[in-house]
Amino acid sequence: MSKWYTVSCRICGSEINIHEDWSNPPSICKSCKVDQWYEKSCADCGTTIRIHRDWDKPPTICKSCKAKRDARWYEKSCADCGTTMRINRDWDKPPTICKSCKEKRDAKWYEKSCADCGTTMRINRDWDKPPTICKSCKAKRDAKWYEKTCENCGRSIKANRDWDSPPKYCTNCKQIYSPKDATCEHCGKRFTIPMGTQIKCKKSGWELPRKCADCRELFRHKPFKTIKEKTIFGNTIFRTYNSLGQLISESRDETTIFGNRRRRHTNKTGKTVGITREKETIFGTPYRETRRTDGSLKSRSREKTTIFGNKYTESIGGSSQTKHKTRTEKTLTGKKYRKTE
């Protein structure tokens, strides 16, 4: 026969009848058991939920809302290591990497100062070319650049407002017309023809300079004065001087082995700079032609007469076809000379 016995309620101490056949006998009385439950509203939908005071983590939402919340979660792989991450569909910016990989990425960042303004910049150790200036300073630097036209070909070139001498020519033109070495046809010295001079000559249809700067300066001072003189051996020589009295050239008449007469022009060191020969046009008009040692034409000259009957020699030479007039003049002592202007 089953037996009853009593135990004390562990909350209030009152007696509770317990049957020995009960597998899970109560430890608190009915009165205390009712007091252990209370009600609160679900945080999501507001429905009433029953909470027991013994629960360590009482729920804040009902079962239905918890199921809805759980449905918002899904799994995806970390972009770096491939581990599984839980993502919520309500997140505006769901992560692409896990926390561990984020910490590794964060460790790659360090700070340094902008080279222009000193402000702090964040730099990543994986960058091949870390910046030396901040975005603001880069924008200021970029604003200093502008485009202009190559003065030769018209291509667009970039120039900086801080440059004292912005470029006149593009890279292509600089390569084509890079400074060129040449030999002075008068003195034989080596000299360099600058890029700008080459371009100007091409635009104007001129030949490139054949004389060095010293010789161009020598020929710059006009009028020239050619005087007939005698050498110490009694030979006739024609010496030409510039307006400063500097010797430009010496000329001597000679006859070839074939009996042809010509005049040889040399510089002050004796180097031949040209040969003048008598010529005739197809109509029989006489003229003189001077050629360089390489055979290229240097100048042509003809005898002419003014409307007043004064005779002079007109010479045309160079790629610019510059004209010069040479007249016979007399010094105060009555000595004749040739004046070229």
Protein backbone atom coordinates (compact mmCIF):
# COMPACT_ATOMS: atom_id res chain seq x y z
CA MET A 1 0.00 0.00 0.00
CA SER A 2 1.33 3.37 -1.03
CA LYS A 3 2.50 5.64 1.72
CA TRP A 4 2.38 9.38 2.07
CA TYR A 5 4.98 11.48 3.78
CA THR A 6 5.53 15.22 4.25
CA VAL A 7 8.41 17.54 3.37
CA SER A 8 8.90 21.25 4.01
CA CYS A 9 8.53 23.78 1.18
CA ARG A 10 12.01 25.09 0.47
CA ILE A 11 10.64 28.61 0.09
CA CYS A 12 8.07 29.13 2.83
CA GLY A 13 8.69 26.01 5.01
CA SER A 14 5.08 24.80 4.98
CA GLU A 15 4.37 21.07 4.81
CA ILE A 16 3.83 19.37 1.45
CA ASN A 17 2.29 15.90 1.13
CA ILE A 18 4.43 13.66 -1.01
CA HIS A 19 3.56 10.19 -2.23
CA GLU A 20 6.41 7.76 -2.35
CA ASP A 21 5.40 6.62 -5.89
CA TRP A 22 6.04 10.09 -7.40
CA SER A 23 9.15 10.05 -9.54
CA ASN A 24 9.59 13.84 -9.43
CA PRO A 25 8.20 15.07 -6.11
CA PRO A 26 7.73 18.87 -5.73
CA SER A 27 10.11 20.86 -3.59
CA ILE A 28 7.85 23.89 -3.19
CA CYS A 29 4.21 24.21 -2.27
CA LYS A 30 1.47 25.19 -4.69
CA SER A 31 1.23 28.69 -3.28
CA CYS A 32 4.94 29.37 -3.73
CA LYS A 33 4.92 27.74 -7.15
CA VAL A 34 2.32 30.24 -8.39
CA ASP A 35 4.43 33.17 -7.12
CA GLN A 36 7.53 32.02 -9.13
CA TRP A 37 5.99 32.99 -12.47
CA TYR A 38 5.49 36.48 -13.80
CA GLU A 39 4.51 38.05 -17.10
CA LYS A 40 6.21 40.56 -19.39
CA SER A 41 5.68 41.81 -22.95
CA CYS A 42 7.66 40.55 -25.94
CA ALA A 43 10.19 43.22 -26.96
CA ASP A 44 9.32 42.77 -30.65
CA CYS A 45 5.57 42.21 -30.96
CA GLY A 46 4.32 43.09 -27.46
CA THR A 47 2.60 39.77 -26.80
CA THR A 48 2.58 38.47 -23.19
CA ILE A 49 5.17 35.88 -22.22
CA ARG A 50 5.51 33.94 -18.91
CA ILE A 51 8.88 34.14 -17.16
CA HIS A 52 10.08 31.99 -14.29
CA ARG A 53 12.14 33.63 -11.62
CA ASP A 54 14.60 30.73 -11.52
CA TRP A 55 15.65 31.19 -15.14
CA ASP A 56 19.22 32.54 -15.46
CA LYS A 57 18.50 34.16 -18.84
CA PRO A 58 14.84 35.05 -19.08
CA PRO A 59 13.70 35.66 -22.68
CA THR A 60 12.94 39.17 -23.98
CA ILE A 61 10.98 38.01 -27.01
CA CYS A 62 8.32 35.36 -27.61
CA LYS A 63 8.97 32.11 -29.45
CA SER A 64 7.37 33.38 -32.66
CA CYS A 65 9.56 36.49 -32.78
CA LYS A 66 12.63 34.42 -31.91
CA ALA A 67 11.90 32.19 -34.92
CA LYS A 68 11.62 35.28 -37.12
CA ARG A 69 14.90 36.64 -35.80
CA ASP A 70 16.64 33.32 -36.33
CA ALA A 71 15.43 33.28 -39.95
CA ARG A 72 17.35 36.53 -40.59
CA TRP A 73 20.69 34.86 -40.05
CA TYR A 74 22.61 33.12 -42.83
CA GLU A 75 26.13 31.85 -43.33
CA LYS A 76 28.88 32.92 -45.75
CA SER A 77 32.63 32.28 -46.05
CA CYS A 78 35.33 34.72 -44.99
CA ALA A 79 36.93 36.30 -48.08
CA ASP A 80 40.42 35.82 -46.63
CA CYS A 81 40.54 32.49 -44.83
CA GLY A 82 37.26 30.82 -45.89
CA THR A 83 35.91 30.18 -42.39
CA THR A 84 32.12 30.28 -41.92
CA MET A 85 30.56 33.53 -40.63
CA ARG A 86 27.00 34.25 -39.44
CA ILE A 87 25.48 37.28 -41.19
CA ASN A 88 22.24 39.08 -40.42
CA ARG A 89 20.10 40.27 -43.29
CA ASP A 90 19.32 43.53 -41.44
CA TRP A 91 22.96 44.67 -41.39
CA ASP A 92 23.63 47.61 -43.73
CA LYS A 93 27.26 46.62 -44.21
CA PRO A 94 27.66 42.86 -43.71
CA PRO A 95 31.30 41.87 -43.14
CA THR A 96 33.31 40.13 -45.84
CA ILE A 97 35.99 38.81 -43.50
CA CYS A 98 35.94 37.19 -40.08
CA LYS A 99 37.11 38.89 -36.87
CA SER A 100 40.45 37.09 -36.89
CA CYS A 101 41.25 38.18 -40.44
CA LYS A 102 40.07 41.73 -39.67
CA GLU A 103 42.58 41.89 -36.82
CA LYS A 104 45.34 40.73 -39.18
CA ARG A 105 44.34 43.36 -41.71
CA ASP A 106 44.23 46.07 -39.07
CA ALA A 107 47.76 45.13 -37.97
CA LYS A 108 49.03 46.03 -41.47
CA TRP A 109 48.10 49.68 -41.03
CA TYR A 110 50.48 52.27 -39.59
CA GLU A 111 50.64 56.06 -39.43
CA LYS A 112 53.08 58.56 -40.96
CA SER A 113 53.10 62.32 -41.52
CA CYS A 114 52.27 64.06 -44.81
CA ALA A 115 55.48 65.43 -46.38
CA ASP A 116 53.75 68.73 -47.24
CA CYS A 117 51.47 69.66 -44.34
CA GLY A 118 52.45 67.17 -41.61
CA THR A 119 48.97 65.75 -41.09
CA THR A 120 48.73 62.07 -40.05
CA MET A 121 48.06 59.48 -42.78
CA ARG A 122 47.18 55.78 -42.51
CA ILE A 123 49.47 53.59 -44.62
CA ASN A 124 49.15 49.89 -45.40
CA ARG A 125 52.24 47.71 -45.40
CA ASP A 126 51.02 45.84 -48.51
CA TRP A 127 51.05 48.96 -50.70
CA ASP A 128 53.84 48.90 -53.31
CA LYS A 129 53.96 52.70 -53.48
CA PRO A 130 52.81 54.20 -50.17
CA PRO A 131 51.86 57.88 -50.49
CA THR A 132 54.12 60.61 -49.15
CA ILE A 133 51.43 63.31 -49.09
CA CYS A 134 47.80 63.37 -47.94
CA LYS A 135 44.79 63.58 -50.28
CA SER A 136 44.32 67.29 -49.65
CA CYS A 137 47.93 68.11 -50.51
CA LYS A 138 47.79 65.82 -53.55
CA ALA A 139 44.76 67.74 -54.80
CA LYS A 140 46.68 71.01 -54.36
CA ARG A 141 49.66 69.60 -56.24
CA ASP A 142 47.44 68.29 -59.03
CA ALA A 143 45.83 71.73 -59.37
CA LYS A 144 49.25 73.19 -60.26
CA TRP A 145 49.39 71.17 -63.47
CA TYR A 146 47.97 72.53 -66.70
CA GLU A 147 48.19 71.74 -70.40
CA LYS A 148 49.84 73.82 -73.09
CA THR A 149 50.57 73.33 -76.79
CA CYS A 150 53.93 72.25 -78.18
CA GLU A 151 55.28 75.25 -80.09
CA ASN A 152 56.43 72.99 -82.93
CA CYS A 153 53.89 70.22 -83.58
CA GLY A 154 50.89 71.43 -81.55
CA ARG A 155 50.68 68.37 -79.32
CA SER A 156 49.44 68.84 -75.76
CA ILE A 157 52.12 68.89 -73.04
CA LYS A 158 51.79 69.13 -69.25
CA ALA A 159 53.42 72.01 -67.38
CA ASN A 160 53.56 72.97 -63.71
CA ARG A 161 52.80 76.47 -62.44
CA ASP A 162 55.82 76.27 -60.10
CA TRP A 163 58.27 75.84 -62.98
CA ASP A 164 60.28 78.96 -63.80
CA SER A 165 60.75 77.81 -67.40
CA PRO A 166 57.84 75.63 -68.61
CA PRO A 167 58.69 73.41 -71.62
CA LYS A 168 58.16 74.76 -75.12
CA TYR A 169 58.29 71.44 -76.92
CA CYS A 170 56.82 67.95 -76.39
CA THR A 171 58.88 64.84 -75.68
CA ASN A 172 58.57 63.64 -79.28
CA CYS A 173 59.96 66.89 -80.69
CA LYS A 174 62.73 66.88 -78.08
CA GLN A 175 63.80 63.45 -79.32
CA ILE A 176 63.62 64.37 -83.01
CA TYR A 177 65.39 67.69 -82.56
CA SER A 178 67.76 66.77 -79.74
CA PRO A 179 70.93 68.92 -79.60
CA LYS A 180 73.13 68.02 -82.58
CA ASP A 181 76.90 68.18 -82.85
CA ALA A 182 78.37 69.85 -85.96
CA THR A 183 81.71 71.07 -87.28
CA CYS A 184 82.15 74.77 -88.00
CA GLU A 185 82.75 75.21 -91.74
CA HIS A 186 84.94 78.25 -91.11
CA CYS A 187 87.24 77.37 -88.18
CA GLY A 188 86.72 73.61 -87.96
CA LYS A 189 85.71 73.60 -84.31
CA ARG A 190 82.95 71.34 -82.97
CA PHE A 191 79.79 73.07 -81.76
CA THR A 192 76.26 72.10 -80.72
CA ILE A 193 73.09 73.16 -82.53
CA PRO A 194 70.34 73.59 -79.88
CA MET A 195 66.88 72.10 -80.25
CA GLY A 196 65.19 75.50 -80.57
CA THR A 197 67.54 76.55 -83.38
CA GLN A 198 66.84 73.34 -85.32
CA ILE A 199 63.07 73.83 -85.06
CA LYS A 200 63.28 77.49 -86.06
CA CYS A 201 65.40 76.59 -89.10
CA LYS A 202 62.93 73.90 -90.16
CA LYS A 203 59.94 76.23 -89.84
CA SER A 204 61.71 78.99 -91.79
CA GLY A 205 63.10 76.65 -94.46
CA TRP A 206 66.69 77.49 -93.53
CA GLU A 207 69.74 75.29 -93.47
CA LEU A 208 71.12 74.44 -90.05
CA PRO A 209 73.94 76.72 -88.83
CA ARG A 210 77.29 75.88 -90.36
CA LYS A 211 79.36 78.19 -88.17
CA CYS A 212 80.09 78.08 -84.45
CA ALA A 213 79.07 80.92 -82.13
CA ASP A 214 82.54 82.56 -82.30
CA CYS A 215 82.58 82.58 -86.09
CA ARG A 216 78.98 83.82 -86.29
CA GLU A 217 80.03 86.67 -84.02
CA LEU A 218 83.02 87.30 -86.32
CA PHE A 219 80.76 87.56 -89.37
CA ARG A 220 78.11 89.60 -87.53
CA HIS A 221 80.06 92.84 -87.58
CA LYS A 222 79.51 94.50 -90.97
CA PRO A 223 80.47 96.06 -93.27
CA PHE A 224 83.33 93.84 -94.37
CA LYS A 225 86.46 95.32 -95.81
CA THR A 226 88.56 93.40 -98.38
CA ILE A 227 92.06 94.76 -99.01
CA LYS A 228 94.50 93.72 -101.71
CA GLU A 229 97.89 93.09 -100.13
CA LYS A 230 101.21 91.34 -100.76
CA THR A 231 102.68 88.41 -98.86
CA ILE A 232 106.32 88.39 -97.74
CA PHE A 233 107.00 86.41 -100.91
CA GLY A 234 105.43 89.09 -103.10
CA ASN A 235 102.28 87.11 -103.91
CA THR A 236 98.94 88.93 -104.16
CA ILE A 237 96.48 88.16 -101.39
CA PHE A 238 93.02 89.55 -100.57
CA ARG A 239 92.35 89.86 -96.85
CA THR A 240 88.82 90.43 -95.57
CA TYR A 241 88.19 92.05 -92.17
CA ASN A 242 85.00 92.76 -90.25
CA SER A 243 84.04 96.22 -88.99
CA LEU A 244 86.05 95.57 -85.80
CA GLY A 245 89.20 94.96 -87.81
CA GLN A 246 89.23 91.21 -87.12
CA LEU A 247 90.53 89.00 -89.91
CA ILE A 248 87.80 86.86 -91.45
CA SER A 249 89.48 85.22 -94.43
CA GLU A 250 92.25 85.34 -96.99
CA SER A 251 91.79 84.75 -100.72
CA ARG A 252 94.32 83.83 -103.38
CA ASP A 253 93.99 83.39 -107.13
CA GLU A 254 95.28 80.13 -108.56
CA THR A 255 95.27 78.04 -111.72
CA THR A 256 94.41 74.34 -111.81
CA ILE A 257 96.49 71.76 -113.70
CA PHE A 258 93.88 72.04 -116.44
CA GLY A 259 94.47 75.78 -116.77
CA ASN A 260 91.21 76.82 -115.04
CA ARG A 261 91.44 79.94 -112.91
CA ARG A 262 89.82 80.07 -109.49
CA ARG A 263 90.05 81.89 -106.16
CA ARG A 264 90.69 79.92 -102.95
CA HIS A 265 89.34 81.27 -99.65
CA THR A 266 90.95 80.26 -96.36
CA ASN A 267 90.41 81.17 -92.72
CA LYS A 268 93.12 82.77 -90.63
CA THR A 269 94.66 79.36 -89.86
CA GLY A 270 94.93 78.44 -93.57
CA LYS A 271 91.96 76.02 -93.72
CA THR A 272 90.15 76.16 -97.08
CA VAL A 273 86.57 77.34 -96.60
CA GLY A 274 85.51 77.85 -100.23
CA ILE A 275 86.46 78.00 -103.92
CA THR A 276 85.15 80.67 -106.33
CA ARG A 277 84.96 79.98 -110.05
CA GLU A 278 83.84 82.00 -113.07
CA LYS A 279 80.61 80.68 -114.65
CA GLU A 280 78.13 81.60 -117.39
CA THR A 281 74.38 81.17 -117.60
CA ILE A 282 72.78 79.40 -120.60
CA PHE A 283 72.37 82.88 -122.06
CA GLY A 284 76.08 83.64 -121.73
CA THR A 285 75.75 85.97 -118.73
CA PRO A 286 78.86 85.74 -116.55
CA TYR A 287 78.63 85.17 -112.79
CA ARG A 288 80.79 83.78 -110.00
CA GLU A 289 79.97 80.72 -107.93
CA THR A 290 81.49 79.86 -104.57
CA ARG A 291 81.25 76.32 -103.26
CA ARG A 292 82.28 74.77 -99.97
CA THR A 293 84.87 72.03 -99.72
CA ASP A 294 82.07 69.43 -99.63
CA GLY A 295 80.82 70.70 -103.00
CA SER A 296 77.68 72.43 -101.66
CA LEU A 297 76.79 75.87 -102.97
CA LYS A 298 77.81 78.74 -100.73
CA SER A 299 76.92 81.79 -102.84
CA ARG A 300 76.54 83.24 -106.34
CA SER A 301 77.50 86.76 -107.36
CA ARG A 302 76.97 89.01 -110.38
CA GLU A 303 78.26 92.40 -111.46
CA LYS A 304 75.53 95.04 -111.59
CA THR A 305 75.18 98.76 -112.26
CA THR A 306 72.92 101.26 -110.50
CA ILE A 307 70.71 103.74 -112.38
CA PHE A 308 73.43 106.29 -111.74
CA GLY A 309 76.04 104.15 -113.45
CA ASN A 310 77.79 102.98 -110.29
CA LYS A 311 79.06 99.42 -110.46
CA TYR A 312 78.73 96.92 -107.63
CA THR A 313 78.71 93.17 -107.02
CA GLU A 314 75.55 91.50 -105.72
CA SER A 315 75.95 88.13 -104.00
CA ILE A 316 73.21 85.80 -102.78
CA GLY A 317 73.95 82.96 -100.40
CA GLY A 318 72.71 80.68 -97.68
CA SER A 319 69.34 78.96 -97.34
CA SER A 320 67.82 82.33 -96.46
CA GLN A 321 69.11 83.74 -99.77
CA THR A 322 70.62 86.78 -98.04
CA LYS A 323 71.79 89.48 -100.42
CA HIS A 324 75.03 91.41 -100.00
CA LYS A 325 76.37 94.32 -102.04
CA THR A 326 80.08 94.91 -102.54
CA ARG A 327 81.43 98.22 -103.83
CA THR A 328 84.89 99.61 -104.46
CA GLU A 329 85.78 102.35 -101.98
CA LYS A 330 88.90 104.44 -101.18
CA THR A 331 90.60 105.18 -97.91
CA LEU A 332 91.63 108.71 -96.91
CA THR A 333 95.03 107.95 -98.38
CA GLY A 334 93.46 106.93 -101.69
CA LYS A 335 93.98 103.17 -101.29
CA LYS A 336 91.23 101.11 -102.85
CA TYR A 337 89.34 98.39 -101.00
CA ARG A 338 86.12 96.42 -101.39
CA LYS A 339 83.28 97.15 -98.96
CA THR A 340 80.61 94.48 -98.42
CA GLU A 341 77.33 95.31 -96.71
